[in-house]
Amino acid sequence: MTTTSPRSDITLVPMTDDHAPAVLAIYRQGIDEGNATFETTAPPWSAFDTAKLVAHRFVALERRGRVVGWTAVSPVSTRPAYAGVVEHSVYVCPTARGTGVGRALLEALVVSTEKAGIWTIQAGVFPENAASLALHEAVGFRVLGRRERVARHHGVWRDVLLVERRSPVVG
């Protein structure tokens, strides 16, 4: 699946091993900023690659082929009852934020997962990450609730908002 985003200068393509350095660099930027994830280091590509479903991971490329964002999903459980539920991540490099890249990536993810019969996409978002919350709301996600003091991040207890998008066509 190669698609053009609403931005004519951005193309979405399936994530491959060739994108690994850029994907992990963007992930590290998000980690270093402190409001994207509880992770403190990016995993090696082999662990990242194994954890993400190949059919539902995309990168956004600018005109010169530079990766400016990515999205991917992981299954939430190996139990058959949860086969239609995934947890996703979406990361955009700082220079491309606020330009529609994140929205294009999430919209492509919705199309991909619905075609595969996935009925729920979910994620945990720090309440302080207002841009991520606004992006998710714009693509049809809703906040289900707050997990208070769910884990420590750099020694500080952090809350997480559980966001979810239920497919209106699957399920």
N, C-alpha and C. Protein backbone atom coordinates (compact mmCIF):
# COMPACT_ATOMS: atom_id res chain seq x y z
N MET A 1 0.85 -1.18 0.00
CA MET A 1 0.00 0.00 0.00
C MET A 1 0.89 1.23 0.00
N THR A 2 0.87 1.95 -1.08
CA THR A 2 1.51 3.25 -1.15
C THR A 2 0.41 4.26 -1.38
N THR A 3 0.35 5.27 -0.54
CA THR A 3 -0.70 6.27 -0.69
C THR A 3 -0.10 7.65 -0.60
N THR A 4 -0.80 8.59 -1.19
CA THR A 4 -0.44 9.98 -1.04
C THR A 4 -1.29 10.53 0.08
N SER A 5 -0.70 11.28 0.96
CA SER A 5 -1.43 11.87 2.07
C SER A 5 -2.13 13.13 1.60
N PRO A 6 -2.96 13.74 2.47
CA PRO A 6 -3.55 15.03 2.11
C PRO A 6 -2.49 16.07 1.75
N ARG A 7 -1.30 15.89 2.25
CA ARG A 7 -0.18 16.76 1.86
C ARG A 7 0.44 16.15 0.62
N SER A 8 0.48 16.88 -0.48
CA SER A 8 0.99 16.32 -1.73
C SER A 8 2.48 15.99 -1.68
N ASP A 9 3.17 16.53 -0.69
CA ASP A 9 4.61 16.28 -0.60
C ASP A 9 4.95 15.10 0.31
N ILE A 10 3.94 14.39 0.81
CA ILE A 10 4.15 13.25 1.71
C ILE A 10 3.57 12.00 1.08
N THR A 11 4.33 10.92 1.11
CA THR A 11 3.86 9.62 0.63
C THR A 11 3.95 8.63 1.78
N LEU A 12 2.92 7.81 1.92
CA LEU A 12 2.91 6.77 2.94
C LEU A 12 3.23 5.44 2.28
N VAL A 13 4.15 4.69 2.89
CA VAL A 13 4.55 3.39 2.37
C VAL A 13 4.68 2.41 3.53
N PRO A 14 4.58 1.11 3.23
CA PRO A 14 4.81 0.13 4.30
C PRO A 14 6.21 0.27 4.88
N MET A 15 6.31 0.12 6.19
CA MET A 15 7.59 0.18 6.88
C MET A 15 8.40 -1.08 6.56
N THR A 16 9.67 -0.91 6.21
CA THR A 16 10.56 -2.04 5.94
C THR A 16 11.83 -1.90 6.77
N ASP A 17 12.66 -2.92 6.69
CA ASP A 17 13.96 -2.87 7.38
C ASP A 17 14.80 -1.67 6.94
N ASP A 18 14.64 -1.24 5.69
CA ASP A 18 15.40 -0.09 5.20
C ASP A 18 15.08 1.19 5.98
N HIS A 19 13.89 1.25 6.56
CA HIS A 19 13.47 2.43 7.32
C HIS A 19 13.93 2.40 8.78
N ALA A 20 14.50 1.29 9.20
CA ALA A 20 14.82 1.08 10.62
C ALA A 20 15.60 2.23 11.25
N PRO A 21 16.71 2.69 10.69
CA PRO A 21 17.45 3.77 11.37
C PRO A 21 16.61 5.02 11.59
N ALA A 22 15.84 5.43 10.59
CA ALA A 22 15.03 6.64 10.72
C ALA A 22 13.88 6.43 11.70
N VAL A 23 13.22 5.28 11.64
CA VAL A 23 12.12 4.99 12.55
C VAL A 23 12.61 5.03 13.99
N LEU A 24 13.72 4.36 14.26
CA LEU A 24 14.23 4.34 15.63
C LEU A 24 14.74 5.71 16.07
N ALA A 25 15.26 6.50 15.15
CA ALA A 25 15.71 7.86 15.50
C ALA A 25 14.51 8.73 15.89
N ILE A 26 13.42 8.64 15.15
CA ILE A 26 12.21 9.40 15.49
C ILE A 26 11.66 8.91 16.82
N TYR A 27 11.68 7.61 17.04
CA TYR A 27 11.22 7.04 18.31
C TYR A 27 12.07 7.59 19.47
N ARG A 28 13.41 7.61 19.28
CA ARG A 28 14.30 8.14 20.32
C ARG A 28 14.01 9.61 20.62
N GLN A 29 13.68 10.39 19.59
CA GLN A 29 13.33 11.79 19.82
C GLN A 29 12.10 11.89 20.72
N GLY A 30 11.09 11.07 20.44
CA GLY A 30 9.89 11.06 21.27
C GLY A 30 10.19 10.63 22.69
N ILE A 31 11.03 9.63 22.84
CA ILE A 31 11.43 9.15 24.17
C ILE A 31 12.14 10.27 24.93
N ASP A 32 13.09 10.92 24.25
CA ASP A 32 13.88 11.97 24.91
C ASP A 32 13.04 13.17 25.33
N GLU A 33 11.97 13.46 24.62
CA GLU A 33 11.11 14.60 24.97
C GLU A 33 10.31 14.35 26.23
N GLY A 34 10.10 13.08 26.59
CA GLY A 34 9.52 12.74 27.88
C GLY A 34 8.02 12.65 28.01
N ASN A 35 7.24 12.92 26.95
CA ASN A 35 5.79 12.84 27.06
C ASN A 35 5.15 11.88 26.05
N ALA A 36 5.93 10.96 25.53
CA ALA A 36 5.41 10.05 24.51
C ALA A 36 5.28 8.61 24.99
N THR A 37 6.13 8.18 25.90
CA THR A 37 6.16 6.77 26.28
C THR A 37 6.88 6.60 27.61
N PHE A 38 6.60 5.49 28.27
CA PHE A 38 7.35 5.14 29.48
C PHE A 38 8.73 4.60 29.14
N GLU A 39 8.94 4.20 27.91
CA GLU A 39 10.24 3.67 27.52
C GLU A 39 11.31 4.73 27.74
N THR A 40 12.50 4.29 28.06
CA THR A 40 13.61 5.22 28.25
C THR A 40 14.68 5.06 27.17
N THR A 41 14.60 3.98 26.41
CA THR A 41 15.49 3.77 25.27
C THR A 41 14.71 3.06 24.17
N ALA A 42 15.10 3.31 22.95
CA ALA A 42 14.49 2.60 21.82
C ALA A 42 15.06 1.19 21.78
N PRO A 43 14.23 0.22 21.43
CA PRO A 43 14.73 -1.16 21.36
C PRO A 43 15.60 -1.36 20.13
N PRO A 44 16.34 -2.44 20.09
CA PRO A 44 17.02 -2.76 18.83
C PRO A 44 15.96 -3.06 17.76
N TRP A 45 16.32 -2.87 16.50
CA TRP A 45 15.36 -3.09 15.43
C TRP A 45 14.77 -4.50 15.47
N SER A 46 15.55 -5.49 15.79
CA SER A 46 15.04 -6.87 15.81
C SER A 46 13.87 -7.01 16.78
N ALA A 47 13.94 -6.38 17.94
CA ALA A 47 12.84 -6.44 18.92
C ALA A 47 11.65 -5.63 18.44
N PHE A 48 11.89 -4.46 17.90
CA PHE A 48 10.82 -3.62 17.36
C PHE A 48 10.08 -4.37 16.26
N ASP A 49 10.84 -4.90 15.32
CA ASP A 49 10.31 -5.61 14.16
C ASP A 49 9.45 -6.81 14.58
N THR A 50 9.91 -7.55 15.56
CA THR A 50 9.18 -8.72 16.04
C THR A 50 7.88 -8.36 16.74
N ALA A 51 7.86 -7.24 17.44
CA ALA A 51 6.70 -6.84 18.24
C ALA A 51 5.58 -6.21 17.42
N LYS A 52 5.86 -5.71 16.23
CA LYS A 52 4.87 -4.98 15.43
C LYS A 52 4.33 -5.85 14.31
N LEU A 53 3.02 -5.75 14.07
CA LEU A 53 2.39 -6.50 13.00
C LEU A 53 2.78 -5.91 11.65
N VAL A 54 3.38 -6.71 10.79
CA VAL A 54 3.94 -6.25 9.53
C VAL A 54 2.88 -5.59 8.64
N ALA A 55 1.67 -6.11 8.62
CA ALA A 55 0.63 -5.59 7.73
C ALA A 55 0.10 -4.22 8.12
N HIS A 56 0.45 -3.76 9.31
CA HIS A 56 -0.13 -2.51 9.81
C HIS A 56 0.95 -1.58 10.37
N ARG A 57 1.94 -1.31 9.57
CA ARG A 57 2.97 -0.35 9.97
C ARG A 57 3.42 0.42 8.74
N PHE A 58 3.45 1.73 8.90
CA PHE A 58 3.69 2.62 7.77
C PHE A 58 4.66 3.73 8.16
N VAL A 59 5.34 4.24 7.14
CA VAL A 59 6.17 5.42 7.32
C VAL A 59 5.66 6.51 6.37
N ALA A 60 5.87 7.74 6.78
CA ALA A 60 5.59 8.90 5.94
C ALA A 60 6.92 9.39 5.39
N LEU A 61 6.99 9.54 4.08
CA LEU A 61 8.21 9.99 3.41
C LEU A 61 7.97 11.36 2.81
N GLU A 62 8.93 12.27 3.01
CA GLU A 62 8.85 13.56 2.34
C GLU A 62 9.44 13.39 0.94
N ARG A 63 9.39 14.42 0.14
CA ARG A 63 9.76 14.34 -1.29
C ARG A 63 11.10 13.68 -1.56
N ARG A 64 12.08 13.97 -0.73
CA ARG A 64 13.42 13.40 -0.95
C ARG A 64 13.58 12.00 -0.38
N GLY A 65 12.48 11.44 0.15
CA GLY A 65 12.53 10.08 0.67
C GLY A 65 12.86 9.98 2.14
N ARG A 66 13.00 11.11 2.82
CA ARG A 66 13.31 11.10 4.25
C ARG A 66 12.07 10.71 5.04
N VAL A 67 12.24 9.80 6.00
CA VAL A 67 11.15 9.39 6.88
C VAL A 67 10.87 10.52 7.86
N VAL A 68 9.60 10.97 7.92
CA VAL A 68 9.22 12.05 8.83
C VAL A 68 8.19 11.59 9.87
N GLY A 69 7.80 10.33 9.81
CA GLY A 69 6.87 9.80 10.80
C GLY A 69 6.61 8.33 10.56
N TRP A 70 6.02 7.70 11.56
CA TRP A 70 5.69 6.29 11.44
C TRP A 70 4.54 5.92 12.37
N THR A 71 3.89 4.83 12.03
CA THR A 71 2.87 4.24 12.88
C THR A 71 2.98 2.73 12.78
N ALA A 72 2.62 2.05 13.87
CA ALA A 72 2.66 0.59 13.89
C ALA A 72 1.75 0.09 15.00
N VAL A 73 1.38 -1.17 14.91
CA VAL A 73 0.52 -1.77 15.93
C VAL A 73 1.13 -3.06 16.45
N SER A 74 0.70 -3.40 17.66
CA SER A 74 1.04 -4.67 18.30
C SER A 74 -0.26 -5.30 18.77
N PRO A 75 -0.33 -6.62 18.78
CA PRO A 75 -1.53 -7.24 19.35
C PRO A 75 -1.58 -6.98 20.85
N VAL A 76 -2.79 -6.83 21.41
CA VAL A 76 -2.89 -6.62 22.85
C VAL A 76 -2.85 -7.93 23.61
N SER A 77 -3.13 -9.04 22.93
CA SER A 77 -3.17 -10.34 23.59
C SER A 77 -3.03 -11.43 22.54
N THR A 78 -2.58 -12.59 22.96
CA THR A 78 -2.54 -13.75 22.07
C THR A 78 -3.83 -14.56 22.15
N ARG A 79 -4.72 -14.18 23.08
CA ARG A 79 -5.99 -14.89 23.22
C ARG A 79 -6.88 -14.62 22.01
N PRO A 80 -7.50 -15.64 21.44
CA PRO A 80 -8.33 -15.46 20.25
C PRO A 80 -9.43 -14.40 20.39
N ALA A 81 -9.99 -14.24 21.57
CA ALA A 81 -11.06 -13.27 21.76
C ALA A 81 -10.61 -11.85 21.47
N TYR A 82 -9.31 -11.59 21.58
CA TYR A 82 -8.77 -10.24 21.37
C TYR A 82 -8.09 -10.09 20.01
N ALA A 83 -8.38 -10.98 19.08
CA ALA A 83 -7.72 -10.94 17.77
C ALA A 83 -8.01 -9.64 17.01
N GLY A 84 -9.10 -8.97 17.33
CA GLY A 84 -9.45 -7.74 16.64
C GLY A 84 -9.11 -6.49 17.40
N VAL A 85 -8.19 -6.59 18.36
CA VAL A 85 -7.81 -5.45 19.18
C VAL A 85 -6.29 -5.28 19.10
N VAL A 86 -5.86 -4.07 18.76
CA VAL A 86 -4.43 -3.77 18.68
C VAL A 86 -4.12 -2.50 19.45
N GLU A 87 -2.87 -2.38 19.85
CA GLU A 87 -2.36 -1.15 20.46
C GLU A 87 -1.42 -0.51 19.45
N HIS A 88 -1.57 0.78 19.27
CA HIS A 88 -0.76 1.44 18.25
C HIS A 88 0.17 2.50 18.85
N SER A 89 1.13 2.88 18.01
CA SER A 89 2.02 4.00 18.27
C SER A 89 2.04 4.84 17.01
N VAL A 90 2.19 6.14 17.19
CA VAL A 90 2.39 7.04 16.06
C VAL A 90 3.39 8.10 16.52
N TYR A 91 4.42 8.30 15.74
CA TYR A 91 5.47 9.26 16.06
C TYR A 91 5.79 10.08 14.82
N VAL A 92 5.97 11.38 15.02
CA VAL A 92 6.29 12.30 13.93
C VAL A 92 7.53 13.09 14.35
N CYS A 93 8.47 13.24 13.42
CA CYS A 93 9.68 14.00 13.75
C CYS A 93 9.29 15.45 14.04
N PRO A 94 10.03 16.10 14.91
CA PRO A 94 9.68 17.46 15.34
C PRO A 94 9.45 18.44 14.20
N THR A 95 10.21 18.35 13.13
CA THR A 95 10.08 19.32 12.04
C THR A 95 8.81 19.11 11.21
N ALA A 96 8.15 17.98 11.36
CA ALA A 96 6.94 17.70 10.58
C ALA A 96 5.67 17.73 11.42
N ARG A 97 5.80 18.02 12.70
CA ARG A 97 4.61 18.05 13.56
C ARG A 97 3.69 19.21 13.19
N GLY A 98 2.40 18.95 13.31
CA GLY A 98 1.41 19.97 13.02
C GLY A 98 1.16 20.20 11.54
N THR A 99 1.68 19.31 10.70
CA THR A 99 1.56 19.48 9.25
C THR A 99 0.63 18.46 8.60
N GLY A 100 0.01 17.59 9.38
CA GLY A 100 -0.88 16.58 8.82
C GLY A 100 -0.27 15.21 8.66
N VAL A 101 1.01 15.07 8.97
CA VAL A 101 1.67 13.77 8.83
C VAL A 101 1.07 12.75 9.79
N GLY A 102 0.90 13.11 11.05
CA GLY A 102 0.32 12.19 12.03
C GLY A 102 -1.07 11.75 11.64
N ARG A 103 -1.87 12.70 11.20
CA ARG A 103 -3.24 12.36 10.78
C ARG A 103 -3.23 11.41 9.59
N ALA A 104 -2.40 11.69 8.60
CA ALA A 104 -2.31 10.80 7.44
C ALA A 104 -1.90 9.39 7.85
N LEU A 105 -0.94 9.29 8.75
CA LEU A 105 -0.51 7.98 9.22
C LEU A 105 -1.63 7.25 9.95
N LEU A 106 -2.32 7.94 10.86
CA LEU A 106 -3.41 7.29 11.60
C LEU A 106 -4.56 6.91 10.68
N GLU A 107 -4.89 7.74 9.71
CA GLU A 107 -5.96 7.40 8.78
C GLU A 107 -5.60 6.17 7.95
N ALA A 108 -4.35 6.06 7.52
CA ALA A 108 -3.90 4.87 6.79
C ALA A 108 -3.97 3.64 7.69
N LEU A 109 -3.63 3.81 8.95
CA LEU A 109 -3.69 2.70 9.90
C LEU A 109 -5.13 2.23 10.08
N VAL A 110 -6.07 3.16 10.18
CA VAL A 110 -7.48 2.79 10.32
C VAL A 110 -7.94 1.98 9.11
N VAL A 111 -7.62 2.43 7.92
CA VAL A 111 -8.00 1.71 6.70
C VAL A 111 -7.40 0.31 6.71
N SER A 112 -6.14 0.21 7.00
CA SER A 112 -5.43 -1.07 7.00
C SER A 112 -6.03 -2.05 8.01
N THR A 113 -6.25 -1.58 9.22
CA THR A 113 -6.76 -2.47 10.26
C THR A 113 -8.21 -2.88 9.99
N GLU A 114 -9.02 -1.96 9.49
CA GLU A 114 -10.41 -2.33 9.19
C GLU A 114 -10.47 -3.36 8.08
N LYS A 115 -9.63 -3.23 7.06
CA LYS A 115 -9.59 -4.23 5.98
C LYS A 115 -9.24 -5.62 6.52
N ALA A 116 -8.48 -5.65 7.62
CA ALA A 116 -8.05 -6.92 8.22
C ALA A 116 -9.03 -7.42 9.28
N GLY A 117 -10.13 -6.72 9.49
CA GLY A 117 -11.11 -7.16 10.47
C GLY A 117 -10.83 -6.75 11.90
N ILE A 118 -9.92 -5.81 12.08
CA ILE A 118 -9.61 -5.33 13.43
C ILE A 118 -10.64 -4.29 13.81
N TRP A 119 -11.27 -4.48 14.96
CA TRP A 119 -12.36 -3.59 15.38
C TRP A 119 -11.98 -2.54 16.40
N THR A 120 -10.84 -2.69 17.06
CA THR A 120 -10.43 -1.70 18.07
C THR A 120 -8.95 -1.40 17.95
N ILE A 121 -8.65 -0.10 17.88
CA ILE A 121 -7.27 0.39 17.97
C ILE A 121 -7.21 1.20 19.26
N GLN A 122 -6.24 0.90 20.10
CA GLN A 122 -6.13 1.62 21.37
C GLN A 122 -4.70 2.06 21.62
N ALA A 123 -4.56 2.96 22.57
CA ALA A 123 -3.23 3.43 22.98
C ALA A 123 -3.34 4.10 24.34
N GLY A 124 -2.21 4.20 25.01
CA GLY A 124 -2.11 4.99 26.23
C GLY A 124 -1.37 6.27 25.91
N VAL A 125 -1.93 7.40 26.34
CA VAL A 125 -1.34 8.71 26.05
C VAL A 125 -1.20 9.48 27.36
N PHE A 126 -0.03 10.06 27.59
CA PHE A 126 0.14 10.92 28.76
C PHE A 126 -0.82 12.10 28.63
N PRO A 127 -1.51 12.48 29.71
CA PRO A 127 -2.43 13.61 29.64
C PRO A 127 -1.75 14.92 29.22
N GLU A 128 -0.47 15.05 29.48
CA GLU A 128 0.28 16.26 29.12
C GLU A 128 0.53 16.35 27.61
N ASN A 129 0.34 15.27 26.88
CA ASN A 129 0.61 15.25 25.45
C ASN A 129 -0.63 15.73 24.68
N ALA A 130 -0.90 17.01 24.80
CA ALA A 130 -2.11 17.61 24.22
C ALA A 130 -2.16 17.44 22.70
N ALA A 131 -1.04 17.53 22.02
CA ALA A 131 -1.03 17.39 20.56
C ALA A 131 -1.46 15.99 20.15
N SER A 132 -0.97 14.97 20.86
CA SER A 132 -1.37 13.60 20.55
C SER A 132 -2.85 13.38 20.82
N LEU A 133 -3.33 13.91 21.92
CA LEU A 133 -4.76 13.76 22.24
C LEU A 133 -5.63 14.43 21.18
N ALA A 134 -5.25 15.61 20.72
CA ALA A 134 -6.01 16.31 19.68
C ALA A 134 -5.98 15.54 18.37
N LEU A 135 -4.82 15.01 18.02
CA LEU A 135 -4.70 14.21 16.80
C LEU A 135 -5.62 13.00 16.87
N HIS A 136 -5.57 12.28 17.97
CA HIS A 136 -6.41 11.08 18.10
C HIS A 136 -7.90 11.42 18.03
N GLU A 137 -8.29 12.49 18.68
CA GLU A 137 -9.69 12.90 18.63
C GLU A 137 -10.11 13.23 17.19
N ALA A 138 -9.23 13.89 16.44
CA ALA A 138 -9.53 14.25 15.06
C ALA A 138 -9.72 13.05 14.15
N VAL A 139 -9.14 11.91 14.53
CA VAL A 139 -9.24 10.70 13.72
C VAL A 139 -10.29 9.73 14.28
N GLY A 140 -11.05 10.17 15.26
CA GLY A 140 -12.16 9.36 15.74
C GLY A 140 -11.90 8.55 16.99
N PHE A 141 -10.80 8.82 17.68
CA PHE A 141 -10.54 8.16 18.95
C PHE A 141 -11.28 8.90 20.06
N ARG A 142 -11.56 8.20 21.13
CA ARG A 142 -12.16 8.82 22.31
C ARG A 142 -11.37 8.39 23.53
N VAL A 143 -11.39 9.22 24.54
CA VAL A 143 -10.74 8.89 25.80
C VAL A 143 -11.71 8.02 26.60
N LEU A 144 -11.25 6.83 26.97
CA LEU A 144 -12.07 5.92 27.77
C LEU A 144 -11.93 6.18 29.26
N GLY A 145 -10.75 6.59 29.67
CA GLY A 145 -10.54 6.83 31.08
C GLY A 145 -9.09 7.11 31.39
N ARG A 146 -8.86 7.38 32.65
CA ARG A 146 -7.52 7.72 33.14
C ARG A 146 -7.04 6.61 34.06
N ARG A 147 -5.86 6.14 33.79
CA ARG A 147 -5.19 5.22 34.70
C ARG A 147 -4.26 6.07 35.55
N GLU A 148 -4.62 6.26 36.80
CA GLU A 148 -3.87 7.16 37.67
C GLU A 148 -2.64 6.49 38.25
N ARG A 149 -1.54 7.26 38.20
CA ARG A 149 -0.27 6.78 38.79
C ARG A 149 0.00 5.33 38.39
N VAL A 150 -0.11 5.07 37.09
CA VAL A 150 -0.01 3.70 36.60
C VAL A 150 1.44 3.19 36.62
N ALA A 151 2.39 4.09 36.46
CA ALA A 151 3.80 3.69 36.47
C ALA A 151 4.67 4.91 36.69
N ARG A 152 5.92 4.64 37.07
CA ARG A 152 6.89 5.73 37.25
C ARG A 152 7.67 5.94 35.97
N HIS A 153 7.93 7.21 35.71
CA HIS A 153 8.71 7.60 34.55
C HIS A 153 9.77 8.57 35.06
N HIS A 154 11.01 8.14 35.00
CA HIS A 154 12.11 8.93 35.55
C HIS A 154 11.84 9.28 37.02
N GLY A 155 11.31 8.31 37.76
CA GLY A 155 11.08 8.47 39.19
C GLY A 155 9.80 9.19 39.57
N VAL A 156 9.01 9.61 38.59
CA VAL A 156 7.78 10.36 38.86
C VAL A 156 6.58 9.51 38.44
N TRP A 157 5.58 9.42 39.32
CA TRP A 157 4.36 8.71 38.98
C TRP A 157 3.65 9.46 37.87
N ARG A 158 3.19 8.73 36.85
CA ARG A 158 2.50 9.34 35.70
C ARG A 158 1.15 8.68 35.49
N ASP A 159 0.18 9.50 35.10
CA ASP A 159 -1.12 9.01 34.66
C ASP A 159 -1.06 8.72 33.17
N VAL A 160 -1.98 7.90 32.71
CA VAL A 160 -2.11 7.61 31.29
C VAL A 160 -3.59 7.62 30.94
N LEU A 161 -3.92 8.27 29.83
CA LEU A 161 -5.28 8.23 29.32
C LEU A 161 -5.38 7.11 28.30
N LEU A 162 -6.37 6.26 28.45
CA LEU A 162 -6.60 5.18 27.50
C LEU A 162 -7.49 5.73 26.40
N VAL A 163 -6.98 5.73 25.16
CA VAL A 163 -7.76 6.18 24.01
C VAL A 163 -8.06 4.97 23.12
N GLU A 164 -9.22 5.06 22.46
CA GLU A 164 -9.67 3.92 21.66
C GLU A 164 -10.45 4.42 20.46
N ARG A 165 -10.31 3.70 19.36
CA ARG A 165 -11.16 3.91 18.20
C ARG A 165 -11.82 2.58 17.88
N ARG A 166 -13.13 2.56 17.96
CA ARG A 166 -13.90 1.37 17.59
C ARG A 166 -14.35 1.54 16.15
N SER A 167 -14.15 0.53 15.35
CA SER A 167 -14.54 0.60 13.95
C SER A 167 -16.05 0.58 13.81
N PRO A 168 -16.59 1.49 13.00
CA PRO A 168 -18.04 1.45 12.74
C PRO A 168 -18.40 0.40 11.68
N VAL A 169 -17.38 -0.19 11.01
CA VAL A 169 -17.67 -1.15 9.94
C VAL A 169 -17.26 -2.58 10.27
N VAL A 170 -16.46 -2.77 11.29
CA VAL A 170 -16.02 -4.12 11.69
C VAL A 170 -16.63 -4.44 13.04
N GLY A 171 -17.10 -5.66 13.18
CA GLY A 171 -17.58 -6.10 14.48
C GLY A 171 -19.03 -6.12 14.54
